[in-house]
Protein backbone atom coordinates (compact mmCIF):
# COMPACT_ATOMS: atom_id res chain seq x y z
CA MET A 1 0.00 0.00 0.00
CA GLN A 2 2.86 2.41 0.79
CA THR A 3 4.38 1.87 -2.65
CA GLU A 4 1.01 2.26 -4.37
CA ARG A 5 0.31 5.53 -2.54
CA LYS A 6 3.73 6.91 -3.42
CA GLU A 7 3.44 5.93 -7.09
CA HIS A 8 -0.07 7.39 -7.37
CA TRP A 9 0.80 10.80 -5.95
CA GLU A 10 4.13 11.10 -7.72
CA ASN A 11 2.36 10.38 -11.02
CA VAL A 12 -0.24 13.05 -10.22
CA TYR A 13 2.40 15.71 -9.64
CA ARG A 14 4.37 14.67 -12.70
CA ALA A 15 1.26 14.95 -14.86
CA LYS A 16 -0.02 18.29 -13.56
CA ALA A 17 1.40 21.55 -12.29
CA SER A 18 0.81 22.11 -8.58
CA THR A 19 -1.57 24.98 -9.44
CA GLU A 20 -3.71 22.72 -11.65
CA VAL A 21 -4.64 19.99 -9.17
CA SER A 22 -8.20 20.22 -7.85
CA TRP A 23 -7.16 20.83 -4.24
CA TYR A 24 -4.93 23.82 -5.05
CA ARG A 25 -5.75 27.05 -3.29
CA GLU A 26 -3.65 30.20 -3.37
CA HIS A 27 -4.08 30.65 0.39
CA LEU A 28 -5.47 28.10 2.85
CA ASP A 29 -7.34 30.76 4.80
CA VAL A 30 -9.38 28.37 6.97
CA SER A 31 -6.35 26.30 7.96
CA LEU A 32 -4.20 29.35 8.62
CA GLY A 33 -6.93 30.93 10.71
CA TRP A 34 -7.25 27.89 12.94
CA ILE A 35 -3.49 27.52 13.33
CA ARG A 36 -3.22 31.13 14.43
CA ARG A 37 -6.02 30.57 16.95
CA VAL A 38 -4.61 27.45 18.58
CA ALA A 39 -0.88 28.23 18.44
CA ALA A 40 0.50 29.39 21.78
CA SER A 41 3.16 31.42 19.96
CA ARG A 42 4.94 31.77 16.63
CA ARG A 43 7.44 29.22 17.99
CA ALA A 44 4.85 26.42 17.91
CA ALA A 45 6.12 23.31 16.11
CA ILE A 46 3.76 22.65 13.19
CA LEU A 47 3.58 19.57 10.97
CA ASP A 48 1.65 19.78 7.70
CA ILE A 49 0.70 16.14 6.99
CA GLY A 50 0.49 15.46 3.26
CA GLY A 51 1.29 19.11 2.67
CA GLY A 52 3.03 18.43 -0.62
CA ALA A 53 3.02 21.53 -2.82
CA SER A 54 0.50 23.35 -0.62
CA THR A 55 0.99 27.07 -0.03
CA LEU A 56 0.38 26.72 3.71
CA ALA A 57 4.10 26.64 4.47
CA ASP A 58 4.59 29.91 2.57
CA ASP A 59 1.90 31.65 4.60
CA LEU A 60 3.11 30.23 7.91
CA ILE A 61 6.63 31.48 7.25
CA SER A 62 5.26 34.88 6.19
CA ALA A 63 3.21 34.99 9.41
CA GLY A 64 6.37 34.51 11.49
CA PHE A 65 6.12 30.83 12.45
CA ASP A 66 9.65 29.48 12.69
CA ASP A 67 9.21 25.71 13.23
CA VAL A 68 7.32 24.41 10.19
CA THR A 69 7.60 20.87 8.79
CA VAL A 70 5.99 19.60 5.60
CA LEU A 71 5.62 15.84 5.13
CA ASP A 72 4.51 14.21 1.91
CA VAL A 73 4.91 10.85 0.19
CA ALA A 74 5.48 12.44 -3.24
CA GLU A 75 8.91 13.86 -4.00
CA PRO A 76 7.69 15.96 -6.98
CA ALA A 77 5.18 17.73 -4.72
CA LEU A 78 7.87 18.66 -2.22
CA ASP A 79 10.17 19.75 -5.04
CA ALA A 80 7.47 22.05 -6.41
CA ALA A 81 6.97 23.68 -3.01
CA GLN A 82 10.69 24.17 -2.48
CA GLN A 83 11.15 25.73 -5.89
CA ARG A 84 8.23 28.08 -5.27
CA LEU A 85 9.60 29.16 -1.88
CA GLY A 86 13.08 29.77 -3.23
CA ALA A 87 15.43 30.99 -0.51
CA ASP A 88 12.68 30.60 2.09
CA ALA A 89 12.61 26.82 1.50
CA GLY A 90 15.52 26.60 3.95
CA LYS A 91 13.20 27.84 6.70
CA VAL A 92 11.02 24.72 6.39
CA HIS A 93 11.79 21.13 7.38
CA TRP A 94 10.93 18.73 4.53
CA ILE A 95 10.16 15.04 5.02
CA GLU A 96 9.48 12.61 2.18
CA ALA A 97 7.54 9.74 3.77
CA ASP A 98 4.22 7.96 4.11
CA PHE A 99 2.76 9.51 7.26
CA LEU A 100 1.41 6.22 8.61
CA HIS A 101 4.92 4.75 8.66
CA ALA A 102 7.15 7.82 9.06
CA PRO A 103 9.76 7.45 11.84
CA LEU A 104 8.92 10.78 13.48
CA GLU A 105 10.19 11.74 16.90
CA PRO A 106 7.66 11.31 19.74
CA GLN A 107 6.00 14.40 21.20
CA CYS A 108 7.75 16.77 18.81
CA TYR A 109 4.81 18.81 17.44
CA ASP A 110 2.36 21.25 18.97
CA ILE A 111 0.06 21.27 15.94
CA CYS A 112 -0.59 18.66 13.27
CA HIS A 113 -2.47 19.94 10.21
CA ASP A 114 -3.92 17.66 7.54
CA ARG A 115 -5.79 18.64 4.41
CA GLY A 116 -4.56 15.83 2.18
CA VAL A 117 -4.32 12.46 3.93
CA PHE A 118 -7.06 11.51 6.38
CA HIS A 119 -10.04 11.38 4.00
CA PHE A 120 -8.14 8.94 1.77
CA LEU A 121 -7.93 6.43 4.64
CA THR A 122 -11.01 4.31 4.04
CA SER A 123 -10.25 1.32 6.29
CA GLY A 124 -10.48 1.12 10.05
CA ASP A 125 -6.93 -0.19 10.29
CA GLU A 126 -5.53 2.78 8.37
CA ARG A 127 -7.45 5.26 10.49
CA ALA A 128 -6.28 3.55 13.68
CA ALA A 129 -2.66 3.72 12.47
CA TYR A 130 -3.15 7.41 11.65
CA PHE A 131 -4.46 8.30 15.10
CA ASP A 132 -1.77 6.20 16.76
CA GLN A 133 0.88 8.16 14.88
CA VAL A 134 -0.68 11.53 15.72
CA ASN A 135 -1.07 10.49 19.35
CA ARG A 136 2.63 9.58 19.44
CA ILE A 137 4.05 12.73 17.87
CA LEU A 138 1.83 15.41 19.42
CA ARG A 139 3.01 17.11 22.58
CA PRO A 140 0.72 17.21 25.63
CA GLU A 141 -2.33 19.36 24.90
CA GLY A 142 -1.38 19.44 21.22
CA THR A 143 -3.93 20.09 18.48
CA LEU A 144 -4.88 18.15 15.35
CA ILE A 145 -6.56 20.11 12.55
CA VAL A 146 -8.09 17.95 9.80
CA THR A 147 -9.98 19.02 6.68
CA THR A 148 -12.09 16.48 4.79
CA PHE A 149 -14.88 16.43 2.25
CA ALA A 150 -18.37 16.96 3.71
CA PRO A 151 -21.13 14.34 3.18
CA ASP A 152 -22.47 16.36 0.24
CA GLY A 153 -19.00 16.89 -1.19
CA PRO A 154 -17.13 14.74 -3.71
CA SER A 155 -16.99 10.99 -3.15
CA LYS A 156 -13.70 10.69 -5.04
CA CYS A 157 -10.54 12.75 -5.33
CA SER A 158 -7.75 12.21 -7.83
CA GLY A 159 -9.53 9.04 -8.93
CA LEU A 160 -9.46 7.55 -5.44
CA GLU A 161 -12.36 6.71 -3.11
CA ILE A 162 -12.51 8.95 -0.06
CA ALA A 163 -14.38 9.01 3.25
CA GLN A 164 -16.75 11.94 3.85
CA TYR A 165 -17.30 13.40 7.31
CA ASP A 166 -19.69 15.51 9.29
CA GLU A 167 -19.42 16.06 13.04
CA ASP A 168 -21.14 12.78 13.96
CA ALA A 169 -19.03 10.74 11.55
CA MET A 170 -15.81 12.25 12.86
CA LEU A 171 -16.81 11.62 16.48
CA ASP A 172 -17.54 8.02 15.55
CA VAL A 173 -14.08 7.36 14.07
CA LEU A 174 -12.31 9.27 16.85
CA GLY A 175 -13.55 6.74 19.36
CA GLY A 176 -12.53 8.93 22.29
CA ARG A 177 -8.88 9.21 21.19
CA PHE A 178 -9.16 12.99 20.88
CA THR A 179 -11.64 15.64 21.96
CA LEU A 180 -13.41 17.42 19.10
CA SER A 181 -13.35 21.06 20.12
CA ALA A 182 -14.60 22.73 16.94
CA CYS A 183 -15.77 22.05 13.41
CA GLU A 184 -16.37 24.37 10.49
CA ARG A 185 -18.13 23.83 7.18
CA HIS A 186 -16.79 25.74 4.18
CA ASN A 187 -16.43 25.55 0.41
CA HIS A 188 -13.41 25.15 -1.84
CA ARG A 189 -13.45 26.32 -5.43
CA THR A 190 -11.14 24.25 -7.60
CA PRO A 191 -8.90 25.80 -10.30
CA GLN A 192 -11.44 24.41 -12.77
CA GLY A 193 -14.24 26.40 -11.11
CA ASN A 194 -16.04 23.55 -9.34
CA LEU A 195 -17.36 24.07 -5.82
CA GLN A 196 -16.52 21.40 -3.23
CA GLN A 197 -18.11 21.17 0.22
CA MET A 198 -15.54 20.70 3.01
CA MET A 199 -15.39 20.26 6.79
CA THR A 200 -12.53 21.28 9.06
CA PHE A 201 -12.24 19.64 12.48
CA VAL A 202 -10.15 20.87 15.39
CA MET A 203 -9.23 18.21 17.95
CA ARG A 204 -7.41 18.50 21.22
CA HIS A 205 -4.92 15.91 22.29
CA SER A 206 -4.38 15.01 25.93
CA MET A 207 -1.74 12.68 27.32
CA ASN A 208 -4.28 11.63 29.95
CA GLU A 209 -6.55 9.99 27.37
């Protein structure tokens, strides 16, 4: 599965420019807004899970955050982001890995952000592995911010089946691992002009759970 995921996403980024993929957005305003709200300071350690060529790293650096890591399974996506950032690419930590199996240090992040991985995990085992990894790498009282497609949003993305979530569905898969502290419904307009219905969930991590 790791190899298949890597091949799929590398082929996507070889076939299309990073500004042409359906999930591209010039600024991830919803994500950035939530990160600013939950971050204790601009020194918060932030991991963008499946961040790839996303512009979130650019905006975080511009906003003064100085501990930003982008993890993605696709090397071409990371290359595109680094080329876009130019000299500022050196201000970001880059990790090429499958998040479910990445050998990340325990309790090293204050905030984990994910707009590109969780809704592709359609099996219970994959979701359990995801939450186990997040639980391991988040610091006490850390925050997980996840954006997915809403129930009335697309049922596929990049040719792959996805899982759709509303508040009840997210609470069901969380299974008490994290506390859901906020959720927000919003729309994303693709570069092709299509409107996609999205949900962003903010979850608090506690070492006591």
